PDB file of N, CA and C in Angstrom:
ATOM      1  N   SER A   1     -37.664-155.995   7.917  1.00  0.00           N
ATOM      2  CA  SER A   1     -37.368-154.683   7.373  1.00  0.00           C
ATOM      3  C   SER A   1     -37.303-154.754   5.838  1.00  0.00           C
ATOM      4  N   ILE A   2     -37.784-153.717   5.192  1.00  0.00           N
ATOM      5  CA  ILE A   2     -37.792-153.665   3.727  1.00  0.00           C
ATOM      6  C   ILE A   2     -36.378-153.454   3.199  1.00  0.00           C
ATOM      7  N   LEU A   3     -35.607-152.609   3.856  1.00  0.00           N
ATOM      8  CA  LEU A   3     -34.245-152.304   3.411  1.00  0.00           C
ATOM      9  C   LEU A   3     -33.225-152.812   4.410  1.00  0.00           C
ATOM     10  N   ASP A   4     -32.141-153.361   3.893  1.00  0.00           N
ATOM     11  CA  ASP A   4     -31.061-153.780   4.780  1.00  0.00           C
ATOM     12  C   ASP A   4     -30.212-152.552   5.148  1.00  0.00           C
ATOM     13  N   ASP A   5     -29.251-152.739   6.028  1.00  0.00           N
ATOM     14  CA  ASP A   5     -28.449-151.621   6.505  1.00  0.00           C
ATOM     15  C   ASP A   5     -27.696-150.899   5.395  1.00  0.00           C
ATOM     16  N   GLU A   6     -27.197-151.645   4.441  1.00  0.00           N
ATOM     17  CA  GLU A   6     -26.448-151.052   3.317  1.00  0.00           C
ATOM     18  C   GLU A   6     -27.349-150.129   2.507  1.00  0.00           C
ATOM     19  N   ARG A   7     -28.523-150.577   2.194  1.00  0.00           N
ATOM     20  CA  ARG A   7     -29.457-149.747   1.405  1.00  0.00           C
ATOM     21  C   ARG A   7     -29.943-148.547   2.208  1.00  0.00           C
ATOM     22  N   VAL A   8     -30.091-148.694   3.491  1.00  0.00           N
ATOM     23  CA  VAL A   8     -30.460-147.559   4.332  1.00  0.00           C
ATOM     24  C   VAL A   8     -29.361-146.509   4.279  1.00  0.00           C
ATOM     25  N   ARG A   9     -28.093-146.924   4.337  1.00  0.00           N
ATOM     26  CA  ARG A   9     -26.979-145.977   4.223  1.00  0.00           C
ATOM     27  C   ARG A   9     -26.969-145.310   2.859  1.00  0.00           C
ATOM     28  N   GLN A  10     -27.212-146.099   1.819  1.00  0.00           N
ATOM     29  CA  GLN A  10     -27.271-145.527   0.471  1.00  0.00           C
ATOM     30  C   GLN A  10     -28.397-144.499   0.359  1.00  0.00           C
ATOM     31  N   TYR A  11     -29.536-144.841   0.901  1.00  0.00           N
ATOM     32  CA  TYR A  11     -30.668-143.908   0.861  1.00  0.00           C
ATOM     33  C   TYR A  11     -30.346-142.631   1.634  1.00  0.00           C
ATOM     34  N   ALA A  12     -29.650-142.773   2.733  1.00  0.00           N
ATOM     35  CA  ALA A  12     -29.299-141.602   3.554  1.00  0.00           C
ATOM     36  C   ALA A  12     -28.404-140.637   2.780  1.00  0.00           C
ATOM     37  N   THR A  13     -27.581-141.171   1.868  1.00  0.00           N
ATOM     38  CA  THR A  13     -26.703-140.282   1.076  1.00  0.00           C
ATOM     39  C   THR A  13     -27.479-139.467   0.049  1.00  0.00           C
ATOM     40  N   ILE A  14     -28.623-139.955  -0.401  1.00  0.00           N
ATOM     41  CA  ILE A  14     -29.400-139.204  -1.402  1.00  0.00           C
ATOM     42  C   ILE A  14     -30.610-138.488  -0.804  1.00  0.00           C
ATOM     43  N   LEU A  15     -30.757-138.593   0.471  1.00  0.00           N
ATOM     44  CA  LEU A  15     -31.949-138.031   1.125  1.00  0.00           C
ATOM     45  C   LEU A  15     -32.146-136.556   0.822  1.00  0.00           C
ATOM     46  N   ASP A  16     -31.071-135.792   0.751  1.00  0.00           N
ATOM     47  CA  ASP A  16     -31.185-134.361   0.502  1.00  0.00           C
ATOM     48  C   ASP A  16     -30.983-133.980  -0.968  1.00  0.00           C
ATOM     49  N   LYS A  17     -31.017-134.945  -1.855  1.00  0.00           N
ATOM     50  CA  LYS A  17     -30.792-134.680  -3.289  1.00  0.00           C
ATOM     51  C   LYS A  17     -32.073-134.342  -4.044  1.00  0.00           C
ATOM     52  N   GLY A  18     -33.196-134.410  -3.388  1.00  0.00           N
ATOM     53  CA  GLY A  18     -34.458-134.075  -4.041  1.00  0.00           C
ATOM     54  C   GLY A  18     -35.343-135.294  -4.249  1.00  0.00           C
ATOM     55  N   SER A  19     -36.580-135.006  -4.555  1.00  0.00           N
ATOM     56  CA  SER A  19     -37.554-136.089  -4.674  1.00  0.00           C
ATOM     57  C   SER A  19     -37.260-136.981  -5.860  1.00  0.00           C
ATOM     58  N   ALA A  20     -36.767-136.434  -6.968  1.00  0.00           N
ATOM     59  CA  ALA A  20     -36.491-137.267  -8.138  1.00  0.00           C
ATOM     60  C   ALA A  20     -35.443-138.323  -7.810  1.00  0.00           C
ATOM     61  N   ALA A  21     -34.424-137.956  -7.056  1.00  0.00           N
ATOM     62  CA  ALA A  21     -33.391-138.922  -6.655  1.00  0.00           C
ATOM     63  C   ALA A  21     -33.979-139.988  -5.737  1.00  0.00           C
ATOM     64  N   ARG A  22     -34.832-139.581  -4.824  1.00  0.00           N
ATOM     65  CA  ARG A  22     -35.450-140.555  -3.928  1.00  0.00           C
ATOM     66  C   ARG A  22     -36.372-141.512  -4.680  1.00  0.00           C
ATOM     67  N   PHE A  23     -37.148-140.972  -5.626  1.00  0.00           N
ATOM     68  CA  PHE A  23     -38.013-141.829  -6.434  1.00  0.00           C
ATOM     69  C   PHE A  23     -37.195-142.781  -7.280  1.00  0.00           C
ATOM     70  N   SER A  24     -36.103-142.292  -7.813  1.00  0.00           N
ATOM     71  CA  SER A  24     -35.220-143.131  -8.604  1.00  0.00           C
ATOM     72  C   SER A  24     -34.632-144.261  -7.785  1.00  0.00           C
ATOM     73  N   PHE A  25     -34.210-143.950  -6.569  1.00  0.00           N
ATOM     74  CA  PHE A  25     -33.678-144.950  -5.659  1.00  0.00           C
ATOM     75  C   PHE A  25     -34.720-146.030  -5.396  1.00  0.00           C
ATOM     76  N   ALA A  26     -35.946-145.596  -5.090  1.00  0.00           N
ATOM     77  CA  ALA A  26     -37.009-146.560  -4.809  1.00  0.00           C
ATOM     78  C   ALA A  26     -37.291-147.422  -6.023  1.00  0.00           C
ATOM     79  N   ALA A  27     -37.300-146.839  -7.191  1.00  0.00           N
ATOM     80  CA  ALA A  27     -37.556-147.610  -8.412  1.00  0.00           C
ATOM     81  C   ALA A  27     -36.437-148.614  -8.663  1.00  0.00           C
ATOM     82  N   ALA A  28     -35.216-148.213  -8.420  1.00  0.00           N
ATOM     83  CA  ALA A  28     -34.069-149.120  -8.618  1.00  0.00           C
ATOM     84  C   ALA A  28     -34.124-150.287  -7.626  1.00  0.00           C
ATOM     85  N   ILE A  29     -34.468-150.000  -6.394  1.00  0.00           N
ATOM     86  CA  ILE A  29     -34.511-151.043  -5.366  1.00  0.00           C
ATOM     87  C   ILE A  29     -35.648-152.025  -5.613  1.00  0.00           C
ATOM     88  N   PHE A  30     -36.799-151.501  -5.996  1.00  0.00           N
ATOM     89  CA  PHE A  30     -37.971-152.350  -6.100  1.00  0.00           C
ATOM     90  C   PHE A  30     -38.246-152.826  -7.543  1.00  0.00           C
ATOM     91  N   GLY A  31     -37.239-152.742  -8.391  1.00  0.00           N
ATOM     92  CA  GLY A  31     -37.322-153.479  -9.639  1.00  0.00           C
ATOM     93  C   GLY A  31     -37.406-152.732 -10.953  1.00  0.00           C
ATOM     94  N   GLY A  32     -37.556-151.439 -11.017  1.00  0.00           N
ATOM     95  CA  GLY A  32     -37.739-150.775 -12.284  1.00  0.00           C
ATOM     96  C   GLY A  32     -36.545-149.951 -12.712  1.00  0.00           C
ATOM     97  N   THR A  33     -35.612-150.557 -13.425  1.00  0.00           N
ATOM     98  CA  THR A  33     -34.432-149.822 -13.880  1.00  0.00           C
ATOM     99  C   THR A  33     -34.810-148.686 -14.828  1.00  0.00           C
ATOM    100  N   SER A  34     -35.702-148.957 -15.748  1.00  0.00           N
ATOM    101  CA  SER A  34     -36.126-147.918 -16.679  1.00  0.00           C
ATOM    102  C   SER A  34     -36.871-146.800 -15.960  1.00  0.00           C
ATOM    103  N   GLU A  35     -37.645-147.146 -14.936  1.00  0.00           N
ATOM    104  CA  GLU A  35     -38.317-146.126 -14.147  1.00  0.00           C
ATOM    105  C   GLU A  35     -37.312-145.312 -13.337  1.00  0.00           C
ATOM    106  N   ALA A  36     -36.292-145.972 -12.828  1.00  0.00           N
ATOM    107  CA  ALA A  36     -35.247-145.266 -12.095  1.00  0.00           C
ATOM    108  C   ALA A  36     -34.559-144.261 -13.018  1.00  0.00           C
ATOM    109  N   TYR A  37     -34.265-144.684 -14.216  1.00  0.00           N
ATOM    110  CA  TYR A  37     -33.636-143.789 -15.193  1.00  0.00           C
ATOM    111  C   TYR A  37     -34.558-142.613 -15.526  1.00  0.00           C
ATOM    112  N   PHE A  38     -35.846-142.903 -15.660  1.00  0.00           N
ATOM    113  CA  PHE A  38     -36.834-141.840 -15.905  1.00  0.00           C
ATOM    114  C   PHE A  38     -36.764-140.784 -14.812  1.00  0.00           C
ATOM    115  N   TRP A  39     -36.752-141.213 -13.563  1.00  0.00           N
ATOM    116  CA  TRP A  39     -36.743-140.259 -12.452  1.00  0.00           C
ATOM    117  C   TRP A  39     -35.446-139.468 -12.405  1.00  0.00           C
ATOM    118  N   LEU A  40     -34.343-140.112 -12.799  1.00  0.00           N
ATOM    119  CA  LEU A  40     -33.062-139.382 -12.834  1.00  0.00           C
ATOM    120  C   LEU A  40     -33.050-138.325 -13.934  1.00  0.00           C
ATOM    121  N   GLN A  41     -33.687-138.617 -15.062  1.00  0.00           N
ATOM    122  CA  GLN A  41     -33.654-137.707 -16.190  1.00  0.00           C
ATOM    123  C   GLN A  41     -34.729-136.617 -16.116  1.00  0.00           C
ATOM    124  N   LEU A  42     -35.755-136.810 -15.325  1.00  0.00           N
ATOM    125  CA  LEU A  42     -36.869-135.872 -15.272  1.00  0.00           C
ATOM    126  C   LEU A  42     -36.462-134.418 -14.963  1.00  0.00           C
ATOM    127  N   PRO A  43     -35.675-134.160 -13.951  1.00  0.00           N
ATOM    128  CA  PRO A  43     -35.302-132.750 -13.690  1.00  0.00           C
ATOM    129  C   PRO A  43     -34.610-132.078 -14.861  1.00  0.00           C
ATOM    130  N   ARG A  44     -33.696-132.778 -15.524  1.00  0.00           N
ATOM    131  CA  ARG A  44     -33.006-132.204 -16.683  1.00  0.00           C
ATOM    132  C   ARG A  44     -33.968-131.986 -17.843  1.00  0.00           C
ATOM    133  N   ALA A  45     -34.873-132.906 -18.046  1.00  0.00           N
ATOM    134  CA  ALA A  45     -35.841-132.784 -19.133  1.00  0.00           C
ATOM    135  C   ALA A  45     -36.759-131.587 -18.896  1.00  0.00           C
ATOM    136  N   LEU A  46     -37.196-131.417 -17.654  1.00  0.00           N
ATOM    137  CA  LEU A  46     -38.045-130.254 -17.334  1.00  0.00           C
ATOM    138  C   LEU A  46     -37.290-128.938 -17.504  1.00  0.00           C
ATOM    139  N   LYS A  47     -36.038-128.922 -17.078  1.00  0.00           N
ATOM    140  CA  LYS A  47     -35.241-127.712 -17.235  1.00  0.00           C
ATOM    141  C   LYS A  47     -35.071-127.376 -18.715  1.00  0.00           C
ATOM    142  N   HIS A  48     -34.795-128.385 -19.520  1.00  0.00           N
ATOM    143  CA  HIS A  48     -34.642-128.186 -20.965  1.00  0.00           C
ATOM    144  C   HIS A  48     -35.939-127.634 -21.574  1.00  0.00           C
ATOM    145  N   LEU A  49     -37.055-128.225 -21.181  1.00  0.00           N
ATOM    146  CA  LEU A  49     -38.352-127.762 -21.675  1.00  0.00           C
ATOM    147  C   LEU A  49     -38.618-126.311 -21.287  1.00  0.00           C
ATOM    148  N   MET A  50     -38.338-125.977 -20.057  1.00  0.00           N
ATOM    149  CA  MET A  50     -38.605-124.612 -19.596  1.00  0.00           C
ATOM    150  C   MET A  50     -37.687-123.619 -20.301  1.00  0.00           C
ATOM    151  N   ASN A  51     -36.450-123.992 -20.549  1.00  0.00           N
ATOM    152  CA  ASN A  51     -35.516-123.116 -21.279  1.00  0.00           C
ATOM    153  C   ASN A  51     -36.019-122.885 -22.708  1.00  0.00           C
ATOM    154  N   ASN A  52     -36.487-123.954 -23.349  1.00  0.00           N
ATOM    155  CA  ASN A  52     -37.017-123.793 -24.717  1.00  0.00           C
ATOM    156  C   ASN A  52     -38.237-122.896 -24.745  1.00  0.00           C
ATOM    157  N   LEU A  53     -39.121-123.072 -23.780  1.00  0.00           N
ATOM    158  CA  LEU A  53     -40.321-122.223 -23.727  1.00  0.00           C
ATOM    159  C   LEU A  53     -39.949-120.766 -23.467  1.00  0.00           C
ATOM    160  N   ALA A  54     -38.990-120.547 -22.595  1.00  0.00           N
ATOM    161  CA  ALA A  54     -38.556-119.180 -22.294  1.00  0.00           C
ATOM    162  C   ALA A  54     -37.928-118.534 -23.525  1.00  0.00           C
ATOM    163  N   ASN A  55     -37.112-119.302 -24.237  1.00  0.00           N
ATOM    164  CA  ASN A  55     -36.483-118.762 -25.461  1.00  0.00           C
ATOM    165  C   ASN A  55     -37.520-118.431 -26.516  1.00  0.00           C
ATOM    166  N   LYS A  56     -38.530-119.266 -26.678  1.00  0.00           N
ATOM    167  CA  LYS A  56     -39.576-118.976 -27.646  1.00  0.00           C
ATOM    168  C   LYS A  56     -40.351-117.723 -27.260  1.00  0.00           C
ATOM    169  N   SER A  57     -40.598-117.558 -25.968  1.00  0.00           N
ATOM    170  CA  SER A  57     -41.304-116.357 -25.506  1.00  0.00           C
ATOM    171  C   SER A  57     -40.487-115.117 -25.776  1.00  0.00           C
ATOM    172  N   LEU A  58     -39.184-115.191 -25.522  1.00  0.00           N
ATOM    173  CA  LEU A  58     -38.310-114.041 -25.776  1.00  0.00           C
ATOM    174  C   LEU A  58     -38.258-113.703 -27.264  1.00  0.00           C
ATOM    175  N   GLN A  59     -38.241-114.731 -28.108  1.00  0.00           N
ATOM    176  CA  GLN A  59     -38.230-114.489 -29.564  1.00  0.00           C
ATOM    177  C   GLN A  59     -39.515-113.804 -29.988  1.00  0.00           C
ATOM    178  N   LYS A  60     -40.657-114.232 -29.457  1.00  0.00           N
ATOM    179  CA  LYS A  60     -41.914-113.613 -29.821  1.00  0.00           C
ATOM    180  C   LYS A  60     -41.969-112.163 -29.367  1.00  0.00           C
ATOM    181  N   VAL A  61     -41.453-111.900 -28.169  1.00  0.00           N
ATOM    182  CA  VAL A  61     -41.434-110.533 -27.664  1.00  0.00           C
ATOM    183  C   VAL A  61     -40.540-109.655 -28.518  1.00  0.00           C
ATOM    184  N   SER A  62     -39.365-110.156 -28.884  1.00  0.00           N
ATOM    185  CA  SER A  62     -38.446-109.368 -29.710  1.00  0.00           C
ATOM    186  C   SER A  62     -38.999-109.151 -31.098  1.00  0.00           C
ATOM    187  N   GLU A  63     -39.701-110.154 -31.645  1.00  0.00           N
ATOM    188  CA  GLU A  63     -40.326-109.969 -32.961  1.00  0.00           C
ATOM    189  C   GLU A  63     -41.411-108.916 -32.905  1.00  0.00           C
ATOM    190  N   LYS A  64     -42.201-108.931 -31.845  1.00  0.00           N
ATOM    191  CA  LYS A  64     -43.270-107.934 -31.692  1.00  0.00           C
ATOM    192  C   LYS A  64     -42.662-106.535 -31.537  1.00  0.00           C
ATOM    193  N   SER A  65     -41.618-106.430 -30.728  1.00  0.00           N
ATOM    194  CA  SER A  65     -41.026-105.104 -30.498  1.00  0.00           C
ATOM    195  C   SER A  65     -40.345-104.594 -31.773  1.00  0.00           C
ATOM    196  N   SER A  66     -39.703-105.474 -32.539  1.00  0.00           N
ATOM    197  CA  SER A  66     -39.065-105.009 -33.774  1.00  0.00           C
ATOM    198  C   SER A  66     -40.117-104.598 -34.789  1.00  0.00           C
ATOM    199  N   SER A  67     -41.236-105.320 -34.864  1.00  0.00           N
ATOM    200  CA  SER A  67     -42.267-104.936 -35.803  1.00  0.00           C
ATOM    201  C   SER A  67     -42.941-103.642 -35.339  1.00  0.00           C
ATOM    202  N   SER A  68     -43.100-103.445 -34.046  1.00  0.00           N
ATOM    203  CA  SER A  68     -43.708-102.202 -33.584  1.00  0.00           C
ATOM    204  C   SER A  68     -42.731-101.047 -33.781  1.00  0.00           C
ATOM    205  N   GLU A  69     -41.425-101.288 -33.685  1.00  0.00           N
ATOM    206  CA  GLU A  69     -40.440-100.238 -33.964  1.00  0.00           C
ATOM    207  C   GLU A  69     -40.507 -99.860 -35.425  1.00  0.00           C
ATOM    208  N   THR A  70     -40.677-100.831 -36.310  1.00  0.00           N
ATOM    209  CA  THR A  70     -40.804-100.554 -37.730  1.00  0.00           C
ATOM    210  C   THR A  70     -42.076 -99.773 -38.006  1.00  0.00           C
ATOM    211  N   ASP A  71     -43.167-100.158 -37.358  1.00  0.00           N
ATOM    212  CA  ASP A  71     -44.422 -99.436 -37.509  1.00  0.00           C
ATOM    213  C   ASP A  71     -44.271 -97.998 -36.999  1.00  0.00           C
ATOM    214  N   ASP A  72     -43.603 -97.828 -35.873  1.00  0.00           N
ATOM    215  CA  ASP A  72     -43.372 -96.487 -35.324  1.00  0.00           C
ATOM    216  C   ASP A  72     -42.536 -95.654 -36.276  1.00  0.00           C
ATOM    217  N   ALA A  73     -41.511 -96.252 -36.859  1.00  0.00           N
ATOM    218  CA  ALA A  73     -40.643 -95.531 -37.770  1.00  0.00           C
ATOM    219  C   ALA A  73     -41.398 -95.103 -39.029  1.00  0.00           C
ATOM    220  N   SER A  74     -42.219 -96.004 -39.567  1.00  0.00           N
ATOM    221  CA  SER A  74     -42.980 -95.660 -40.769  1.00  0.00           C
ATOM    222  C   SER A  74     -44.017 -94.589 -40.452  1.00  0.00           C
ATOM    223  N   LEU A  75     -44.646 -94.672 -39.285  1.00  0.00           N
ATOM    224  CA  LEU A  75     -45.602 -93.655 -38.876  1.00  0.00           C
ATOM    225  C   LEU A  75     -44.928 -92.316 -38.736  1.00  0.00           C
ATOM    226  N   LEU A  76     -43.754 -92.309 -38.119  1.00  0.00           N
ATOM    227  CA  LEU A  76     -43.016 -91.067 -37.940  1.00  0.00           C
ATOM    228  C   LEU A  76     -42.615 -90.469 -39.281  1.00  0.00           C
ATOM    229  N   SER A  77     -42.173 -91.311 -40.198  1.00  0.00           N
ATOM    230  CA  SER A  77     -41.797 -90.779 -41.517  1.00  0.00           C
ATOM    231  C   SER A  77     -43.009 -90.232 -42.272  1.00  0.00           C
ATOM    232  N   ARG A  78     -44.160 -90.892 -42.137  1.00  0.00           N
ATOM    233  CA  ARG A  78     -45.377 -90.378 -42.780  1.00  0.00           C
ATOM    234  C   ARG A  78     -45.788 -89.043 -42.191  1.00  0.00           C
ATOM    235  N   ILE A  79     -45.690 -88.945 -40.855  1.00  0.00           N
ATOM    236  CA  ILE A  79     -46.073 -87.699 -40.192  1.00  0.00           C
ATOM    237  C   ILE A  79     -45.139 -86.584 -40.635  1.00  0.00           C
ATOM    238  N   SER A  80     -43.833 -86.885 -40.650  1.00  0.00           N
ATOM    239  CA  SER A  80     -42.874 -85.836 -41.019  1.00  0.00           C
ATOM    240  C   SER A  80     -43.013 -85.462 -42.482  1.00  0.00           C
ATOM    241  N   SER A  81     -43.321 -86.406 -43.363  1.00  0.00           N
ATOM    242  CA  SER A  81     -43.491 -86.059 -44.783  1.00  0.00           C
ATOM    243  C   SER A  81     -44.770 -85.242 -44.977  1.00  0.00           C
ATOM    244  N   LYS A  82     -45.814 -85.543 -44.224  1.00  0.00           N
ATOM    245  CA  LYS A  82     -47.036 -84.748 -44.321  1.00  0.00           C
ATOM    246  C   LYS A  82     -46.788 -83.335 -43.781  1.00  0.00           C
ATOM    247  N   GLY A  83     -45.988 -83.265 -42.728  1.00  0.00           N
ATOM    248  CA  GLY A  83     -45.656 -81.956 -42.170  1.00  0.00           C
ATOM    249  C   GLY A  83     -44.871 -81.126 -43.157  1.00  0.00           C
ATOM    250  N   LYS A  84     -43.942 -81.738 -43.876  1.00  0.00           N
ATOM    251  CA  LYS A  84     -43.135 -81.020 -44.864  1.00  0.00           C
ATOM    252  C   LYS A  84     -44.012 -80.548 -46.013  1.00  0.00           C
ATOM    253  N   SER A  85     -44.932 -81.413 -46.474  1.00  0.00           N
ATOM    254  CA  SER A  85     -45.785 -81.019 -47.594  1.00  0.00           C
ATOM    255  C   SER A  85     -46.746 -79.921 -47.165  1.00  0.00           C
ATOM    256  N   ALA A  86     -47.227 -79.973 -45.937  1.00  0.00           N
ATOM    257  CA  ALA A  86     -48.127 -78.924 -45.455  1.00  0.00           C
ATOM    258  C   ALA A  86     -47.377 -77.610 -45.322  1.00  0.00           C
ATOM    259  N   THR A  87     -46.135 -77.644 -44.864  1.00  0.00           N
ATOM    260  CA  THR A  87     -45.329 -76.447 -44.730  1.00  0.00           C
ATOM    261  C   THR A  87     -45.020 -75.845 -46.096  1.00  0.00           C
ATOM    262  N   SER A  88     -44.677 -76.634 -47.067  1.00  0.00           N
ATOM    263  CA  SER A  88     -44.340 -76.129 -48.389  1.00  0.00           C
ATOM    264  C   SER A  88     -45.587 -75.600 -49.084  1.00  0.00           C
ATOM    265  N   SER A  89     -46.756 -76.208 -48.870  1.00  0.00           N
ATOM    266  CA  SER A  89     -47.967 -75.711 -49.504  1.00  0.00           C
ATOM    267  C   SER A  89     -48.412 -74.398 -48.852  1.00  0.00           C
ATOM    268  N   SER A  90     -48.186 -74.238 -47.564  1.00  0.00           N
ATOM    269  CA  SER A  90     -48.545 -72.967 -46.922  1.00  0.00           C
ATOM    270  C   SER A  90     -47.598 -71.870 -47.361  1.00  0.00           C
ATOM    271  N   LYS A  91     -46.341 -72.204 -47.674  1.00  0.00           N
ATOM    272  CA  LYS A  91     -45.390 -71.213 -48.185  1.00  0.00           C
ATOM    273  C   LYS A  91     -45.845 -70.771 -49.580  1.00  0.00           C
ATOM    274  N   ARG A  92     -46.321 -71.728 -50.390  1.00  0.00           N
ATOM    275  CA  ARG A  92     -46.779 -71.402 -51.736  1.00  0.00           C
ATOM    276  C   ARG A  92     -48.007 -70.498 -51.666  1.00  0.00           C
ATOM    277  N   ASN A  93     -48.893 -70.775 -50.725  1.00  0.00           N
ATOM    278  CA  ASN A  93     -50.099 -69.964 -50.596  1.00  0.00           C
ATOM    279  C   ASN A  93     -49.776 -68.554 -50.128  1.00  0.00           C
ATOM    280  N   ALA A  94     -48.721 -68.429 -49.339  1.00  0.00           N
ATOM    281  CA  ALA A  94     -48.339 -67.126 -48.823  1.00  0.00           C
ATOM    282  C   ALA A  94     -47.731 -66.255 -49.918  1.00  0.00           C
ATOM    283  N   VAL A  95     -47.148 -66.849 -50.946  1.00  0.00           N
ATOM    284  CA  VAL A  95     -46.477 -66.104 -52.018  1.00  0.00           C
ATOM    285  C   VAL A  95     -47.432 -65.579 -52.987  1.00  0.00           C
TER     286      VAL A  95
END
């Protein structure tokens, strides 16, 4: 047998912990401490990466929406100022 009874019991305790834990266990048993550490850290590293990517996406979206709000506000002010000047010029023409 590849594993003795003690290691089988240890493996049984991590069986439902996910593939990274199982890979880490196998790496630790068959000689790769650094590989075992890699497998243990992988889920956290991926979560960290995904959080950073999500935050960057949210920042880009908020930057785009704030710039479009500024564009909308400037467009609205230009329209309203043109409307005021057109109204005042038509009043002058009526007099």
